N, C-alpha and C. Protein backbone atom coordinates (compact mmCIF):
# COMPACT_ATOMS: atom_id res chain seq x y z
N MET A 1 -32.63 -20.79 -38.70
CA MET A 1 -33.09 -20.08 -37.51
C MET A 1 -32.85 -20.89 -36.24
N GLY A 2 -32.16 -22.01 -36.33
CA GLY A 2 -31.96 -22.84 -35.15
C GLY A 2 -31.12 -22.17 -34.08
N VAL A 3 -29.95 -21.65 -34.45
CA VAL A 3 -29.06 -21.05 -33.46
C VAL A 3 -29.63 -19.73 -32.92
N PRO A 4 -30.14 -18.81 -33.76
CA PRO A 4 -30.73 -17.60 -33.18
C PRO A 4 -31.96 -17.86 -32.32
N ALA A 5 -32.61 -18.99 -32.53
CA ALA A 5 -33.82 -19.30 -31.75
C ALA A 5 -33.50 -19.81 -30.35
N VAL A 6 -32.23 -20.02 -30.04
CA VAL A 6 -31.86 -20.52 -28.72
C VAL A 6 -32.34 -19.57 -27.63
N VAL A 7 -32.14 -18.28 -27.82
CA VAL A 7 -32.49 -17.30 -26.78
C VAL A 7 -34.00 -17.25 -26.54
N PRO A 8 -34.85 -17.05 -27.56
CA PRO A 8 -36.28 -16.99 -27.27
C PRO A 8 -36.86 -18.31 -26.75
N VAL A 9 -36.37 -19.43 -27.26
CA VAL A 9 -36.88 -20.72 -26.77
C VAL A 9 -36.48 -20.91 -25.32
N TRP A 10 -35.25 -20.55 -24.97
CA TRP A 10 -34.82 -20.67 -23.57
C TRP A 10 -35.63 -19.73 -22.68
N LEU A 11 -35.89 -18.51 -23.13
CA LEU A 11 -36.70 -17.57 -22.34
C LEU A 11 -38.11 -18.12 -22.12
N LEU A 12 -38.70 -18.71 -23.14
CA LEU A 12 -40.03 -19.30 -22.98
C LEU A 12 -39.98 -20.46 -21.98
N TRP A 13 -38.94 -21.28 -22.05
CA TRP A 13 -38.78 -22.39 -21.11
C TRP A 13 -38.62 -21.86 -19.68
N TYR A 14 -37.83 -20.81 -19.52
CA TYR A 14 -37.59 -20.23 -18.21
C TYR A 14 -38.88 -19.71 -17.58
N ILE A 15 -39.68 -19.03 -18.39
CA ILE A 15 -40.98 -18.53 -17.90
C ILE A 15 -41.90 -19.69 -17.55
N ALA A 16 -41.91 -20.73 -18.40
CA ALA A 16 -42.78 -21.89 -18.12
C ALA A 16 -42.37 -22.60 -16.85
N VAL A 17 -41.06 -22.76 -16.63
CA VAL A 17 -40.57 -23.46 -15.43
C VAL A 17 -40.90 -22.68 -14.17
N ASN A 18 -40.78 -21.36 -14.22
CA ASN A 18 -41.02 -20.54 -13.03
C ASN A 18 -42.48 -20.13 -12.88
N GLY A 19 -43.30 -20.36 -13.86
CA GLY A 19 -44.71 -19.96 -13.79
C GLY A 19 -45.65 -21.14 -13.72
N PRO A 20 -46.23 -21.51 -14.87
CA PRO A 20 -47.27 -22.55 -14.86
C PRO A 20 -46.79 -23.92 -14.37
N LEU A 21 -45.59 -24.33 -14.75
CA LEU A 21 -45.11 -25.64 -14.32
C LEU A 21 -44.83 -25.67 -12.81
N ALA A 22 -44.38 -24.56 -12.26
CA ALA A 22 -44.16 -24.49 -10.81
C ALA A 22 -45.49 -24.49 -10.06
N GLU A 23 -46.50 -23.85 -10.62
CA GLU A 23 -47.82 -23.84 -9.97
C GLU A 23 -48.45 -25.23 -9.99
N LEU A 24 -48.15 -26.03 -11.00
CA LEU A 24 -48.65 -27.40 -11.06
C LEU A 24 -47.86 -28.34 -10.16
N GLY A 25 -46.73 -27.87 -9.65
CA GLY A 25 -45.90 -28.68 -8.78
C GLY A 25 -44.90 -29.55 -9.53
N TRP A 26 -44.74 -29.34 -10.82
CA TRP A 26 -43.82 -30.14 -11.63
C TRP A 26 -42.38 -29.65 -11.50
N THR A 27 -42.20 -28.36 -11.19
CA THR A 27 -40.87 -27.79 -11.01
C THR A 27 -40.89 -26.91 -9.77
N VAL A 28 -39.73 -26.43 -9.39
CA VAL A 28 -39.61 -25.51 -8.26
C VAL A 28 -39.22 -24.15 -8.83
N SER A 29 -39.98 -23.13 -8.50
CA SER A 29 -39.71 -21.81 -9.07
C SER A 29 -38.57 -21.13 -8.32
N GLU A 30 -37.92 -20.23 -9.03
CA GLU A 30 -36.86 -19.41 -8.46
C GLU A 30 -37.49 -18.42 -7.49
N PRO A 31 -37.08 -18.40 -6.22
CA PRO A 31 -37.73 -17.50 -5.26
C PRO A 31 -37.48 -16.03 -5.53
N THR A 32 -36.42 -15.69 -6.23
CA THR A 32 -36.12 -14.28 -6.49
C THR A 32 -36.55 -13.84 -7.88
N GLU A 33 -37.32 -14.67 -8.59
CA GLU A 33 -37.75 -14.35 -9.96
C GLU A 33 -38.74 -13.19 -9.96
N ASN A 34 -38.47 -12.20 -10.80
CA ASN A 34 -39.35 -11.06 -10.97
C ASN A 34 -40.01 -11.20 -12.35
N ASP A 35 -41.24 -11.70 -12.36
CA ASP A 35 -41.92 -11.99 -13.63
C ASP A 35 -42.14 -10.76 -14.49
N GLY A 36 -42.37 -9.61 -13.89
CA GLY A 36 -42.64 -8.41 -14.67
C GLY A 36 -41.46 -8.01 -15.53
N THR A 37 -40.29 -8.03 -14.97
CA THR A 37 -39.09 -7.67 -15.73
C THR A 37 -38.82 -8.70 -16.82
N MET A 38 -38.98 -9.96 -16.51
CA MET A 38 -38.73 -11.00 -17.50
C MET A 38 -39.71 -10.89 -18.67
N LEU A 39 -40.97 -10.58 -18.40
CA LEU A 39 -41.95 -10.45 -19.47
C LEU A 39 -41.66 -9.25 -20.36
N VAL A 40 -41.13 -8.17 -19.78
CA VAL A 40 -40.78 -7.00 -20.58
C VAL A 40 -39.65 -7.35 -21.54
N ILE A 41 -38.76 -8.21 -21.11
CA ILE A 41 -37.66 -8.65 -21.97
C ILE A 41 -38.16 -9.72 -22.95
N LEU A 42 -39.00 -10.60 -22.49
CA LEU A 42 -39.45 -11.75 -23.28
C LEU A 42 -40.29 -11.36 -24.49
N VAL A 43 -41.25 -10.50 -24.31
CA VAL A 43 -42.21 -10.18 -25.38
C VAL A 43 -41.53 -9.64 -26.63
N PRO A 44 -40.66 -8.63 -26.56
CA PRO A 44 -40.04 -8.14 -27.80
C PRO A 44 -39.11 -9.17 -28.46
N ILE A 45 -38.38 -9.92 -27.65
CA ILE A 45 -37.45 -10.89 -28.22
C ILE A 45 -38.20 -12.02 -28.91
N VAL A 46 -39.23 -12.55 -28.27
CA VAL A 46 -39.99 -13.64 -28.89
C VAL A 46 -40.77 -13.14 -30.10
N THR A 47 -41.32 -11.95 -30.03
CA THR A 47 -42.04 -11.39 -31.18
C THR A 47 -41.12 -11.19 -32.37
N ALA A 48 -39.95 -10.60 -32.15
CA ALA A 48 -39.00 -10.38 -33.24
C ALA A 48 -38.51 -11.71 -33.81
N SER A 49 -38.25 -12.67 -32.96
CA SER A 49 -37.78 -13.97 -33.42
C SER A 49 -38.87 -14.69 -34.23
N ALA A 50 -40.10 -14.66 -33.75
CA ALA A 50 -41.20 -15.31 -34.47
C ALA A 50 -41.43 -14.65 -35.83
N LEU A 51 -41.36 -13.33 -35.88
CA LEU A 51 -41.53 -12.62 -37.14
C LEU A 51 -40.41 -12.97 -38.11
N LEU A 52 -39.18 -12.97 -37.64
CA LEU A 52 -38.04 -13.31 -38.48
C LEU A 52 -38.13 -14.76 -38.96
N TRP A 53 -38.52 -15.67 -38.09
CA TRP A 53 -38.67 -17.09 -38.44
C TRP A 53 -39.76 -17.26 -39.49
N TRP A 54 -40.88 -16.57 -39.31
CA TRP A 54 -41.97 -16.67 -40.26
C TRP A 54 -41.57 -16.11 -41.63
N LEU A 55 -40.92 -14.95 -41.65
CA LEU A 55 -40.50 -14.36 -42.91
C LEU A 55 -39.51 -15.25 -43.64
N ALA A 56 -38.53 -15.79 -42.93
CA ALA A 56 -37.54 -16.67 -43.56
C ALA A 56 -38.22 -17.90 -44.15
N ASN A 57 -39.11 -18.51 -43.41
CA ASN A 57 -39.79 -19.71 -43.90
C ASN A 57 -40.79 -19.39 -45.01
N HIS A 58 -41.38 -18.22 -44.97
CA HIS A 58 -42.33 -17.82 -46.01
C HIS A 58 -41.63 -17.74 -47.37
N PHE A 59 -40.46 -17.13 -47.39
CA PHE A 59 -39.75 -16.99 -48.65
C PHE A 59 -39.11 -18.30 -49.10
N VAL A 60 -38.59 -19.08 -48.18
CA VAL A 60 -37.98 -20.36 -48.53
C VAL A 60 -39.04 -21.35 -49.01
N ARG A 61 -40.20 -21.31 -48.43
CA ARG A 61 -41.28 -22.24 -48.79
C ARG A 61 -41.69 -22.09 -50.25
N ARG A 62 -41.59 -20.89 -50.77
CA ARG A 62 -41.97 -20.67 -52.17
C ARG A 62 -41.08 -21.46 -53.12
N TRP A 63 -39.79 -21.59 -52.78
CA TRP A 63 -38.85 -22.28 -53.67
C TRP A 63 -38.70 -23.75 -53.32
N ASN A 64 -39.22 -24.17 -52.20
CA ASN A 64 -39.07 -25.55 -51.76
C ASN A 64 -40.16 -26.41 -52.39
N THR A 65 -39.79 -27.59 -52.83
CA THR A 65 -40.77 -28.47 -53.46
C THR A 65 -41.31 -29.53 -52.50
N ALA A 66 -40.82 -29.55 -51.26
CA ALA A 66 -41.29 -30.54 -50.28
C ALA A 66 -42.73 -30.24 -49.88
N ALA A 67 -43.45 -31.28 -49.55
CA ALA A 67 -44.83 -31.11 -49.12
C ALA A 67 -44.87 -30.41 -47.77
N ALA A 68 -45.96 -29.71 -47.50
CA ALA A 68 -46.10 -28.97 -46.24
C ALA A 68 -46.05 -29.90 -45.04
N ARG A 69 -46.53 -31.12 -45.17
CA ARG A 69 -46.53 -32.05 -44.05
C ARG A 69 -45.12 -32.51 -43.70
N VAL A 70 -44.18 -32.36 -44.62
CA VAL A 70 -42.77 -32.67 -44.34
C VAL A 70 -42.02 -31.40 -43.96
N TYR A 71 -42.28 -30.31 -44.65
CA TYR A 71 -41.52 -29.08 -44.49
C TYR A 71 -41.68 -28.46 -43.10
N ARG A 72 -42.90 -28.37 -42.61
CA ARG A 72 -43.13 -27.71 -41.32
C ARG A 72 -42.52 -28.46 -40.14
N PRO A 73 -42.67 -29.78 -40.03
CA PRO A 73 -42.00 -30.48 -38.92
C PRO A 73 -40.48 -30.38 -38.98
N VAL A 74 -39.92 -30.41 -40.18
CA VAL A 74 -38.47 -30.27 -40.31
C VAL A 74 -38.03 -28.88 -39.86
N CYS A 75 -38.78 -27.85 -40.21
CA CYS A 75 -38.46 -26.49 -39.77
C CYS A 75 -38.50 -26.38 -38.24
N ALA A 76 -39.51 -26.96 -37.64
CA ALA A 76 -39.61 -26.91 -36.18
C ALA A 76 -38.47 -27.68 -35.54
N LEU A 77 -38.12 -28.82 -36.09
CA LEU A 77 -37.03 -29.63 -35.54
C LEU A 77 -35.69 -28.90 -35.66
N VAL A 78 -35.43 -28.32 -36.81
CA VAL A 78 -34.18 -27.59 -37.01
C VAL A 78 -34.10 -26.38 -36.09
N THR A 79 -35.22 -25.80 -35.77
CA THR A 79 -35.24 -24.67 -34.85
C THR A 79 -34.97 -25.11 -33.41
N LEU A 80 -35.49 -26.26 -33.00
CA LEU A 80 -35.40 -26.69 -31.61
C LEU A 80 -34.16 -27.51 -31.27
N VAL A 81 -33.54 -28.17 -32.24
CA VAL A 81 -32.39 -29.03 -31.95
C VAL A 81 -31.24 -28.30 -31.28
N PRO A 82 -30.79 -27.11 -31.76
CA PRO A 82 -29.70 -26.44 -31.06
C PRO A 82 -30.03 -26.08 -29.60
N THR A 83 -31.27 -25.70 -29.35
CA THR A 83 -31.67 -25.37 -27.98
C THR A 83 -31.62 -26.60 -27.10
N PHE A 84 -32.17 -27.70 -27.56
CA PHE A 84 -32.15 -28.92 -26.75
C PHE A 84 -30.72 -29.44 -26.56
N ALA A 85 -29.87 -29.27 -27.58
CA ALA A 85 -28.48 -29.69 -27.44
C ALA A 85 -27.75 -28.88 -26.38
N LEU A 86 -28.03 -27.59 -26.31
CA LEU A 86 -27.39 -26.75 -25.30
C LEU A 86 -27.97 -26.96 -23.90
N MET A 87 -29.23 -27.36 -23.81
CA MET A 87 -29.87 -27.55 -22.51
C MET A 87 -29.63 -28.95 -21.95
N ALA A 88 -29.18 -29.88 -22.78
CA ALA A 88 -28.99 -31.26 -22.34
C ALA A 88 -27.82 -31.35 -21.36
N PRO A 89 -27.98 -32.15 -20.32
CA PRO A 89 -26.86 -32.31 -19.37
C PRO A 89 -25.72 -33.07 -20.04
N LEU A 90 -24.52 -32.70 -19.65
CA LEU A 90 -23.33 -33.34 -20.25
C LEU A 90 -23.02 -34.66 -19.61
């Protein structure tokens, strides 16, 4: 789920940068950002991605013999690495 998760993770980052992080003064928000439209797009995409990620991991976890304390961090890392690789400056 690493590569398909690029879009929802990026959308969550975009909302965070233009919303709460900008209000804290940590980032500068986009002056033309329309939060309502972005949220209408964000909610279905993130919901579908989270459901698909959960279902995939639910079925794989049954056959995996790794302990939960190892399996879950590895799943999160594999999901986030492609996004961070694409967002990293060259």
